[in-house]
């Protein structure tokens, strides 16, 4: 059986696509409007008048990430399938710049709960945690100018499943000792 869990690149790509759609862009026509933070290839600079969104996904611990459900199925003569089901927790943070930063952060904040985007994430076993804070206004002082900036973050769970074939116990010896 195959494992059911995403790589970090797959998770970032998913949220990049969702964010791009929420903001009404297409990746082909607007490749630099939504950017994944910490991109090793770097990113071109932008102007104070450009609307640009940065997206950062960070795995974070919480009470559910500590739990694992381990079960065994598909027993063979010399092996068995061990199945581990668990939950991963992610904090997804958006940093939005530009004249429309507030409007864009609000589109993201409300859009993430729309059924269409829920369904896109659910196909990948990712689900929004509906508890969230308000967006924060954090203007940046850069080159003597205040750049309009808003930050917003929300948490998500990913259901994962890890399957591994392990050796089965085929026999055991029991020895009883008397005394000592």
N, C-alpha and C. Protein backbone atom coordinates (compact mmCIF):
# COMPACT_ATOMS: atom_id res chain seq x y z
N UNK A 1 0.84 -1.19 0.00
CA UNK A 1 0.00 0.00 0.00
C UNK A 1 0.88 1.24 0.00
N UNK A 2 0.43 2.25 -0.67
CA UNK A 2 1.19 3.50 -0.77
C UNK A 2 0.92 4.40 0.43
N UNK A 3 1.89 5.21 0.74
CA UNK A 3 1.71 6.21 1.79
C UNK A 3 0.81 7.32 1.28
N UNK A 4 0.06 7.91 2.20
CA UNK A 4 -0.80 9.04 1.86
C UNK A 4 -0.32 10.23 2.68
N UNK A 5 0.55 11.03 2.08
CA UNK A 5 1.06 12.23 2.73
C UNK A 5 1.76 13.07 1.66
N UNK A 6 1.67 14.36 1.82
CA UNK A 6 2.24 15.28 0.84
C UNK A 6 3.64 15.71 1.24
N UNK A 7 4.44 16.06 0.24
CA UNK A 7 5.72 16.70 0.50
C UNK A 7 5.46 18.18 0.77
N UNK A 8 6.46 18.86 1.33
CA UNK A 8 6.29 20.29 1.58
C UNK A 8 6.08 21.04 0.26
N UNK A 9 6.79 20.64 -0.79
CA UNK A 9 6.62 21.29 -2.09
C UNK A 9 5.19 21.13 -2.61
N UNK A 10 4.60 19.96 -2.41
CA UNK A 10 3.21 19.73 -2.84
C UNK A 10 2.23 20.59 -2.04
N UNK A 11 2.48 20.73 -0.75
CA UNK A 11 1.61 21.55 0.10
C UNK A 11 1.71 23.02 -0.30
N UNK A 12 2.93 23.49 -0.51
CA UNK A 12 3.12 24.88 -0.94
C UNK A 12 2.47 25.14 -2.30
N UNK A 13 2.60 24.19 -3.21
CA UNK A 13 1.99 24.33 -4.53
C UNK A 13 0.47 24.39 -4.42
N UNK A 14 -0.10 23.55 -3.55
CA UNK A 14 -1.55 23.57 -3.34
C UNK A 14 -2.01 24.93 -2.84
N UNK A 15 -1.36 25.46 -1.80
CA UNK A 15 -1.77 26.76 -1.26
C UNK A 15 -1.46 27.91 -2.22
N UNK A 16 -0.41 27.77 -3.01
CA UNK A 16 -0.12 28.76 -4.05
C UNK A 16 -1.26 28.81 -5.06
N UNK A 17 -1.70 27.63 -5.50
CA UNK A 17 -2.81 27.56 -6.47
C UNK A 17 -4.10 28.12 -5.90
N UNK A 18 -4.42 27.74 -4.66
CA UNK A 18 -5.65 28.22 -4.03
C UNK A 18 -5.61 29.74 -3.86
N UNK A 19 -4.47 30.27 -3.38
CA UNK A 19 -4.34 31.71 -3.18
C UNK A 19 -4.46 32.45 -4.50
N UNK A 20 -3.81 31.94 -5.53
CA UNK A 20 -3.87 32.56 -6.86
C UNK A 20 -5.31 32.62 -7.36
N UNK A 21 -6.04 31.52 -7.20
CA UNK A 21 -7.45 31.48 -7.63
C UNK A 21 -8.32 32.44 -6.81
N UNK A 22 -8.13 32.45 -5.50
CA UNK A 22 -8.92 33.33 -4.63
C UNK A 22 -8.75 34.79 -5.05
N UNK A 23 -7.51 35.15 -5.40
CA UNK A 23 -7.23 36.55 -5.76
C UNK A 23 -7.62 36.87 -7.20
N UNK A 24 -8.10 35.87 -7.94
CA UNK A 24 -8.58 36.11 -9.29
C UNK A 24 -7.50 36.15 -10.35
N UNK A 25 -6.34 35.61 -10.05
CA UNK A 25 -5.23 35.59 -11.00
C UNK A 25 -5.15 34.22 -11.68
N UNK A 26 -4.39 34.18 -12.75
CA UNK A 26 -3.95 32.92 -13.33
C UNK A 26 -2.43 32.89 -13.22
N UNK A 27 -1.88 31.74 -12.95
CA UNK A 27 -0.43 31.63 -12.78
C UNK A 27 0.29 32.00 -14.07
N UNK A 28 -0.25 31.58 -15.20
CA UNK A 28 0.40 31.85 -16.48
C UNK A 28 0.49 33.35 -16.77
N UNK A 29 -0.57 34.08 -16.50
CA UNK A 29 -0.60 35.51 -16.81
C UNK A 29 0.05 36.36 -15.72
N UNK A 30 0.09 35.85 -14.48
CA UNK A 30 0.60 36.62 -13.34
C UNK A 30 1.53 35.77 -12.48
N UNK A 31 2.66 35.33 -13.00
CA UNK A 31 3.50 34.38 -12.25
C UNK A 31 4.11 34.96 -10.98
N UNK A 32 4.21 36.29 -10.86
CA UNK A 32 4.85 36.89 -9.69
C UNK A 32 3.87 37.54 -8.72
N UNK A 33 2.58 37.38 -8.92
CA UNK A 33 1.59 38.00 -8.02
C UNK A 33 1.50 37.26 -6.69
N UNK A 34 1.64 35.93 -6.72
CA UNK A 34 1.64 35.11 -5.51
C UNK A 34 2.95 34.34 -5.51
N UNK A 35 3.70 34.48 -4.41
CA UNK A 35 5.03 33.87 -4.33
C UNK A 35 5.13 33.01 -3.08
N UNK A 36 5.85 31.92 -3.21
CA UNK A 36 6.10 31.05 -2.05
C UNK A 36 7.33 31.61 -1.34
N UNK A 37 7.17 31.87 -0.04
CA UNK A 37 8.26 32.41 0.76
C UNK A 37 9.41 31.43 0.87
N UNK A 38 10.56 31.94 1.13
CA UNK A 38 11.79 31.16 1.29
C UNK A 38 12.13 30.40 0.01
N UNK A 39 11.81 30.97 -1.12
CA UNK A 39 12.11 30.34 -2.39
C UNK A 39 13.62 30.37 -2.62
N UNK A 40 14.24 29.21 -2.80
CA UNK A 40 15.69 29.14 -2.96
C UNK A 40 16.16 29.80 -4.25
N UNK A 41 15.28 29.89 -5.24
CA UNK A 41 15.66 30.52 -6.50
C UNK A 41 15.57 32.04 -6.42
N UNK A 42 15.08 32.56 -5.31
CA UNK A 42 14.90 34.00 -5.18
C UNK A 42 13.64 34.46 -5.89
N UNK A 43 13.42 35.73 -5.90
CA UNK A 43 12.24 36.28 -6.57
C UNK A 43 12.58 37.69 -7.04
N UNK A 44 12.04 38.10 -8.16
CA UNK A 44 12.32 39.47 -8.60
C UNK A 44 11.71 40.48 -7.64
N UNK A 45 12.34 41.62 -7.58
CA UNK A 45 11.82 42.68 -6.71
C UNK A 45 10.49 43.20 -7.25
N UNK A 46 9.84 43.99 -6.46
CA UNK A 46 8.57 44.58 -6.91
C UNK A 46 8.51 46.03 -6.45
N UNK A 47 7.60 46.78 -7.03
CA UNK A 47 7.45 48.20 -6.74
C UNK A 47 6.44 48.41 -5.63
N UNK A 48 6.49 49.55 -5.01
CA UNK A 48 5.55 49.90 -3.94
C UNK A 48 4.11 49.92 -4.44
N UNK A 49 3.93 50.08 -5.75
CA UNK A 49 2.60 50.13 -6.35
C UNK A 49 2.09 48.76 -6.81
N UNK A 50 2.93 47.72 -6.67
CA UNK A 50 2.54 46.36 -7.08
C UNK A 50 1.82 45.65 -5.95
N UNK A 51 0.80 44.88 -6.31
CA UNK A 51 0.11 44.02 -5.35
C UNK A 51 0.76 42.63 -5.43
N UNK A 52 1.45 42.26 -4.35
CA UNK A 52 2.18 40.99 -4.31
C UNK A 52 1.85 40.28 -3.01
N UNK A 53 1.64 38.96 -3.11
CA UNK A 53 1.33 38.14 -1.94
C UNK A 53 2.41 37.09 -1.75
N UNK A 54 2.91 37.01 -0.53
CA UNK A 54 3.87 35.96 -0.16
C UNK A 54 3.13 34.94 0.71
N UNK A 55 3.45 33.69 0.48
CA UNK A 55 2.80 32.58 1.16
C UNK A 55 3.88 31.73 1.83
N UNK A 56 3.70 31.42 3.11
CA UNK A 56 4.66 30.59 3.83
C UNK A 56 3.92 29.51 4.60
N UNK A 57 4.34 28.26 4.43
CA UNK A 57 3.73 27.12 5.11
C UNK A 57 4.75 26.58 6.10
N UNK A 58 4.34 26.47 7.37
CA UNK A 58 5.24 25.99 8.41
C UNK A 58 4.57 24.86 9.19
N UNK A 59 5.21 23.68 9.25
CA UNK A 59 4.67 22.63 10.12
C UNK A 59 4.84 23.05 11.58
N UNK A 60 3.81 22.87 12.37
CA UNK A 60 3.86 23.25 13.78
C UNK A 60 3.26 22.15 14.64
N UNK A 61 3.77 21.97 15.84
CA UNK A 61 3.22 20.94 16.71
C UNK A 61 1.94 21.43 17.40
N UNK A 62 1.07 20.50 17.69
CA UNK A 62 -0.08 20.77 18.57
C UNK A 62 -0.53 19.45 19.16
N UNK A 63 -1.63 19.46 19.89
CA UNK A 63 -2.05 18.26 20.61
C UNK A 63 -2.37 17.08 19.69
N UNK A 64 -2.80 17.33 18.48
CA UNK A 64 -3.16 16.23 17.58
C UNK A 64 -1.96 15.63 16.87
N UNK A 65 -0.88 16.39 16.72
CA UNK A 65 0.29 15.86 16.02
C UNK A 65 1.02 14.81 16.86
N UNK A 66 0.72 14.74 18.13
CA UNK A 66 1.37 13.76 19.02
C UNK A 66 0.71 12.38 18.95
N UNK A 67 -0.50 12.33 18.42
CA UNK A 67 -1.28 11.08 18.42
C UNK A 67 -1.04 10.29 17.15
N UNK A 68 -0.97 8.97 17.30
CA UNK A 68 -0.86 8.08 16.15
C UNK A 68 -1.76 6.88 16.38
N UNK A 69 -2.42 6.46 15.34
CA UNK A 69 -3.24 5.25 15.40
C UNK A 69 -2.50 4.18 14.60
N UNK A 70 -1.97 3.17 15.30
CA UNK A 70 -1.21 2.11 14.65
C UNK A 70 -2.09 0.86 14.60
N UNK A 71 -2.20 0.31 13.40
CA UNK A 71 -2.98 -0.92 13.24
C UNK A 71 -2.24 -1.85 12.27
N UNK A 72 -2.65 -3.09 12.28
CA UNK A 72 -2.05 -4.09 11.40
C UNK A 72 -3.17 -4.74 10.61
N UNK A 73 -2.91 -4.92 9.33
CA UNK A 73 -3.88 -5.63 8.50
C UNK A 73 -3.12 -6.38 7.41
N UNK A 74 -3.80 -7.10 6.62
CA UNK A 74 -3.23 -7.90 5.53
C UNK A 74 -2.07 -8.76 6.03
N UNK A 75 -2.40 -9.73 6.85
CA UNK A 75 -1.39 -10.64 7.38
C UNK A 75 -1.05 -11.70 6.34
N UNK A 76 0.24 -11.88 6.15
CA UNK A 76 0.74 -12.93 5.27
C UNK A 76 1.46 -13.94 6.14
N UNK A 77 2.02 -14.98 5.55
CA UNK A 77 2.69 -16.00 6.36
C UNK A 77 3.94 -15.48 7.04
N UNK A 78 4.65 -14.56 6.40
CA UNK A 78 5.90 -14.06 7.00
C UNK A 78 5.92 -12.55 7.20
N UNK A 79 4.83 -11.87 6.89
CA UNK A 79 4.82 -10.41 7.03
C UNK A 79 3.40 -9.90 7.28
N UNK A 80 3.32 -8.63 7.61
CA UNK A 80 2.02 -7.97 7.82
C UNK A 80 2.17 -6.51 7.40
N UNK A 81 1.05 -5.87 7.10
CA UNK A 81 1.06 -4.45 6.77
C UNK A 81 0.76 -3.65 8.04
N UNK A 82 1.71 -2.79 8.41
CA UNK A 82 1.50 -1.89 9.54
C UNK A 82 1.02 -0.55 8.97
N UNK A 83 -0.09 -0.06 9.49
CA UNK A 83 -0.66 1.20 9.03
C UNK A 83 -0.64 2.20 10.18
N UNK A 84 -0.02 3.34 9.94
CA UNK A 84 0.02 4.41 10.94
C UNK A 84 -0.79 5.57 10.38
N UNK A 85 -1.82 5.97 11.09
CA UNK A 85 -2.60 7.15 10.72
C UNK A 85 -2.29 8.24 11.74
N UNK A 86 -2.05 9.44 11.22
CA UNK A 86 -1.70 10.55 12.09
C UNK A 86 -2.16 11.86 11.45
N UNK A 87 -1.95 12.94 12.17
CA UNK A 87 -2.34 14.26 11.71
C UNK A 87 -1.13 15.18 11.75
N UNK A 88 -0.94 15.91 10.67
CA UNK A 88 0.08 16.96 10.66
C UNK A 88 -0.63 18.31 10.71
N UNK A 89 0.01 19.27 11.35
CA UNK A 89 -0.55 20.59 11.56
C UNK A 89 0.33 21.62 10.86
N UNK A 90 -0.29 22.52 10.11
CA UNK A 90 0.46 23.55 9.39
C UNK A 90 -0.11 24.92 9.71
N UNK A 91 0.80 25.89 9.85
CA UNK A 91 0.40 27.27 9.91
C UNK A 91 0.71 27.87 8.55
N UNK A 92 -0.31 28.40 7.91
CA UNK A 92 -0.14 29.03 6.60
C UNK A 92 -0.25 30.54 6.82
N UNK A 93 0.81 31.25 6.42
CA UNK A 93 0.87 32.69 6.63
C UNK A 93 0.95 33.41 5.29
N UNK A 94 0.17 34.44 5.16
CA UNK A 94 0.19 35.29 3.97
C UNK A 94 0.70 36.66 4.38
N UNK A 95 1.61 37.21 3.60
CA UNK A 95 2.07 38.58 3.74
C UNK A 95 1.74 39.26 2.42
N UNK A 96 0.90 40.28 2.50
CA UNK A 96 0.37 40.91 1.29
C UNK A 96 0.80 42.37 1.24
N UNK A 97 1.40 42.75 0.11
CA UNK A 97 1.86 44.12 -0.11
C UNK A 97 1.04 44.76 -1.22
N UNK A 98 1.06 46.09 -1.22
CA UNK A 98 0.49 46.84 -2.34
C UNK A 98 -0.68 47.70 -1.95
N UNK A 99 -1.14 48.53 -2.91
CA UNK A 99 -2.27 49.41 -2.65
C UNK A 99 -3.55 48.64 -2.30
N UNK A 100 -3.70 47.42 -2.82
CA UNK A 100 -4.90 46.61 -2.54
C UNK A 100 -4.61 45.54 -1.49
N UNK A 101 -3.61 45.73 -0.65
CA UNK A 101 -3.23 44.72 0.34
C UNK A 101 -4.39 44.35 1.26
N UNK A 102 -5.10 45.35 1.77
CA UNK A 102 -6.21 45.06 2.68
C UNK A 102 -7.31 44.27 1.96
N UNK A 103 -7.67 44.71 0.77
CA UNK A 103 -8.72 44.02 0.02
C UNK A 103 -8.29 42.59 -0.31
N UNK A 104 -7.03 42.39 -0.67
CA UNK A 104 -6.56 41.05 -1.01
C UNK A 104 -6.49 40.13 0.21
N UNK A 105 -6.08 40.67 1.34
CA UNK A 105 -6.02 39.83 2.55
C UNK A 105 -7.43 39.43 2.98
N UNK A 106 -8.39 40.31 2.78
CA UNK A 106 -9.78 39.98 3.09
C UNK A 106 -10.33 38.93 2.12
N UNK A 107 -9.95 39.01 0.84
CA UNK A 107 -10.36 37.97 -0.12
C UNK A 107 -9.84 36.61 0.33
N UNK A 108 -8.59 36.57 0.77
CA UNK A 108 -8.00 35.31 1.24
C UNK A 108 -8.71 34.83 2.50
N UNK A 109 -8.91 35.74 3.44
CA UNK A 109 -9.52 35.38 4.74
C UNK A 109 -10.90 34.77 4.57
N UNK A 110 -11.71 35.32 3.71
CA UNK A 110 -13.05 34.77 3.51
C UNK A 110 -13.08 33.68 2.45
N UNK A 111 -12.21 33.80 1.45
CA UNK A 111 -12.20 32.83 0.37
C UNK A 111 -11.78 31.44 0.79
N UNK A 112 -10.90 31.36 1.76
CA UNK A 112 -10.39 30.06 2.18
C UNK A 112 -11.50 29.15 2.70
N UNK A 113 -12.64 29.74 3.09
CA UNK A 113 -13.76 28.97 3.61
C UNK A 113 -14.80 28.61 2.54
N UNK A 114 -14.61 29.08 1.33
CA UNK A 114 -15.57 28.75 0.27
C UNK A 114 -15.47 27.27 -0.08
N UNK A 115 -16.59 26.69 -0.42
CA UNK A 115 -16.66 25.25 -0.67
C UNK A 115 -15.69 24.79 -1.75
N UNK A 116 -15.56 25.57 -2.81
CA UNK A 116 -14.67 25.18 -3.92
C UNK A 116 -13.23 24.99 -3.44
N UNK A 117 -12.73 25.93 -2.62
CA UNK A 117 -11.35 25.84 -2.14
C UNK A 117 -11.21 24.78 -1.06
N UNK A 118 -12.26 24.61 -0.25
CA UNK A 118 -12.29 23.51 0.70
C UNK A 118 -12.13 22.18 -0.03
N UNK A 119 -12.86 22.02 -1.12
CA UNK A 119 -12.82 20.76 -1.88
C UNK A 119 -11.45 20.54 -2.53
N UNK A 120 -10.81 21.60 -3.02
CA UNK A 120 -9.47 21.46 -3.60
C UNK A 120 -8.48 20.94 -2.56
N UNK A 121 -8.58 21.45 -1.35
CA UNK A 121 -7.68 21.01 -0.27
C UNK A 121 -8.07 19.62 0.23
N UNK A 122 -9.36 19.35 0.34
CA UNK A 122 -9.83 18.06 0.87
C UNK A 122 -9.38 16.89 0.00
N UNK A 123 -9.27 17.10 -1.29
CA UNK A 123 -8.78 16.04 -2.19
C UNK A 123 -7.37 15.62 -1.76
N UNK A 124 -6.63 16.53 -1.16
CA UNK A 124 -5.26 16.26 -0.70
C UNK A 124 -5.22 15.97 0.81
N UNK A 125 -6.37 15.73 1.42
CA UNK A 125 -6.49 15.45 2.87
C UNK A 125 -6.06 16.63 3.74
N UNK A 126 -6.29 17.84 3.27
CA UNK A 126 -5.96 19.04 4.04
C UNK A 126 -7.25 19.78 4.35
N UNK A 127 -7.39 20.18 5.64
CA UNK A 127 -8.63 20.79 6.10
C UNK A 127 -8.33 22.01 6.97
N UNK A 128 -9.08 23.06 6.75
CA UNK A 128 -8.90 24.30 7.50
C UNK A 128 -9.41 24.12 8.93
N UNK A 129 -8.72 24.75 9.87
CA UNK A 129 -9.19 24.85 11.25
C UNK A 129 -9.86 26.21 11.34
N UNK A 130 -11.16 26.27 11.57
CA UNK A 130 -11.89 27.52 11.42
C UNK A 130 -11.57 28.62 12.43
N UNK A 131 -10.81 28.33 13.45
CA UNK A 131 -10.44 29.37 14.41
C UNK A 131 -9.32 30.22 13.81
N UNK A 132 -9.52 31.54 13.78
CA UNK A 132 -8.50 32.40 13.18
C UNK A 132 -8.52 33.78 13.82
N UNK A 133 -7.43 34.50 13.61
CA UNK A 133 -7.31 35.88 14.06
C UNK A 133 -7.62 36.82 12.91
N UNK A 134 -7.74 38.07 13.22
CA UNK A 134 -7.94 39.10 12.20
C UNK A 134 -6.61 39.36 11.50
N UNK A 135 -6.66 39.84 10.25
CA UNK A 135 -5.42 40.26 9.59
C UNK A 135 -4.78 41.41 10.38
N UNK A 136 -3.45 41.47 10.33
CA UNK A 136 -2.72 42.52 11.03
C UNK A 136 -2.08 43.47 10.02
N UNK A 137 -2.23 44.75 10.28
CA UNK A 137 -1.59 45.74 9.42
C UNK A 137 -0.17 45.96 9.95
N UNK A 138 0.82 45.77 9.07
CA UNK A 138 2.23 45.89 9.44
C UNK A 138 3.00 46.64 8.35
N UNK A 139 2.80 47.95 8.23
CA UNK A 139 3.52 48.68 7.18
C UNK A 139 5.04 48.49 7.34
N UNK A 140 5.72 48.37 6.21
CA UNK A 140 7.18 48.20 6.17
C UNK A 140 7.84 49.51 5.77
N UNK A 141 8.86 49.90 6.51
CA UNK A 141 9.66 51.06 6.14
C UNK A 141 10.83 50.55 5.31
N UNK A 142 10.85 50.90 4.02
CA UNK A 142 11.89 50.43 3.11
C UNK A 142 12.29 51.59 2.20
N UNK A 143 13.60 51.87 2.17
CA UNK A 143 14.13 52.98 1.36
C UNK A 143 13.41 54.30 1.63
N UNK A 144 13.12 54.56 2.88
CA UNK A 144 12.48 55.82 3.27
C UNK A 144 11.01 55.92 2.93
N UNK A 145 10.37 54.79 2.50
CA UNK A 145 8.95 54.80 2.17
C UNK A 145 8.23 53.74 3.01
N UNK A 146 7.01 54.06 3.40
CA UNK A 146 6.18 53.08 4.10
C UNK A 146 5.40 52.26 3.07
N UNK A 147 5.68 50.98 3.04
CA UNK A 147 5.01 50.05 2.11
C UNK A 147 3.79 49.47 2.81
N UNK A 148 2.65 49.50 2.13
CA UNK A 148 1.41 48.96 2.68
C UNK A 148 1.53 47.44 2.78
N UNK A 149 1.30 46.91 3.97
CA UNK A 149 1.46 45.46 4.19
C UNK A 149 0.44 44.97 5.21
N UNK A 150 -0.13 43.79 4.93
CA UNK A 150 -1.01 43.10 5.86
C UNK A 150 -0.55 41.65 5.99
N UNK A 151 -0.66 41.13 7.20
CA UNK A 151 -0.30 39.73 7.48
C UNK A 151 -1.52 39.00 8.01
N UNK A 152 -1.61 37.74 7.63
CA UNK A 152 -2.73 36.89 8.07
C UNK A 152 -2.25 35.45 8.08
N UNK A 153 -2.68 34.72 9.09
CA UNK A 153 -2.34 33.30 9.11
C UNK A 153 -3.51 32.48 9.64
N UNK A 154 -3.54 31.24 9.21
CA UNK A 154 -4.58 30.32 9.62
C UNK A 154 -3.97 28.91 9.64
N UNK A 155 -4.56 28.02 10.40
CA UNK A 155 -4.02 26.68 10.58
C UNK A 155 -4.83 25.64 9.81
N UNK A 156 -4.12 24.59 9.42
CA UNK A 156 -4.72 23.49 8.67
C UNK A 156 -4.21 22.17 9.23
N UNK A 157 -5.04 21.14 9.06
CA UNK A 157 -4.63 19.78 9.38
C UNK A 157 -4.49 18.99 8.10
N UNK A 158 -3.52 18.07 8.09
CA UNK A 158 -3.39 17.10 7.02
C UNK A 158 -3.48 15.71 7.63
N UNK A 159 -4.41 14.90 7.12
CA UNK A 159 -4.49 13.51 7.53
C UNK A 159 -3.50 12.70 6.72
N UNK A 160 -2.63 11.95 7.41
CA UNK A 160 -1.63 11.16 6.69
C UNK A 160 -1.76 9.69 7.06
N UNK A 161 -1.22 8.85 6.19
CA UNK A 161 -1.21 7.41 6.43
C UNK A 161 0.11 6.86 5.93
N UNK A 162 0.80 6.15 6.79
CA UNK A 162 2.08 5.54 6.44
C UNK A 162 1.91 4.03 6.51
N UNK A 163 2.24 3.37 5.42
CA UNK A 163 2.11 1.91 5.34
C UNK A 163 3.49 1.29 5.20
N UNK A 164 3.70 0.22 5.94
CA UNK A 164 4.99 -0.46 5.89
C UNK A 164 4.76 -1.95 6.09
N UNK A 165 5.43 -2.74 5.28
CA UNK A 165 5.39 -4.18 5.47
C UNK A 165 6.45 -4.55 6.48
N UNK A 166 6.03 -5.26 7.52
CA UNK A 166 6.96 -5.65 8.58
C UNK A 166 6.94 -7.16 8.72
N UNK A 167 8.01 -7.70 9.27
CA UNK A 167 8.08 -9.14 9.49
C UNK A 167 7.08 -9.57 10.55
N UNK A 168 6.52 -10.74 10.35
CA UNK A 168 5.56 -11.29 11.32
C UNK A 168 6.25 -12.34 12.17
N UNK A 169 5.78 -12.52 13.36
CA UNK A 169 6.30 -13.58 14.23
C UNK A 169 5.70 -14.89 13.75
N UNK A 170 6.59 -15.79 13.36
CA UNK A 170 6.10 -17.07 12.84
C UNK A 170 6.16 -18.17 13.88
N UNK A 171 7.02 -18.02 14.89
CA UNK A 171 7.06 -19.00 15.98
C UNK A 171 7.72 -18.35 17.19
N UNK A 172 7.48 -18.95 18.34
CA UNK A 172 8.07 -18.45 19.59
C UNK A 172 8.36 -19.62 20.50
N UNK A 173 9.44 -19.51 21.23
CA UNK A 173 9.79 -20.53 22.21
C UNK A 173 9.54 -19.96 23.59
N UNK A 174 8.92 -20.73 24.43
CA UNK A 174 8.64 -20.31 25.79
C UNK A 174 9.39 -21.25 26.72
N UNK A 175 10.22 -20.69 27.60
CA UNK A 175 10.99 -21.49 28.53
C UNK A 175 10.62 -21.07 29.94
N UNK A 176 10.23 -22.05 30.74
CA UNK A 176 9.90 -21.80 32.14
C UNK A 176 11.09 -22.24 32.99
N UNK A 177 11.51 -21.36 33.88
CA UNK A 177 12.61 -21.67 34.80
C UNK A 177 12.06 -21.67 36.21
N UNK A 178 12.51 -22.63 36.96
CA UNK A 178 12.07 -22.75 38.34
C UNK A 178 13.14 -22.18 39.26
N UNK A 179 12.71 -21.37 40.23
CA UNK A 179 13.63 -20.92 41.26
C UNK A 179 14.25 -19.57 41.00
N UNK A 180 15.44 -19.42 41.48
CA UNK A 180 16.28 -18.23 41.50
C UNK A 180 15.50 -17.04 41.14
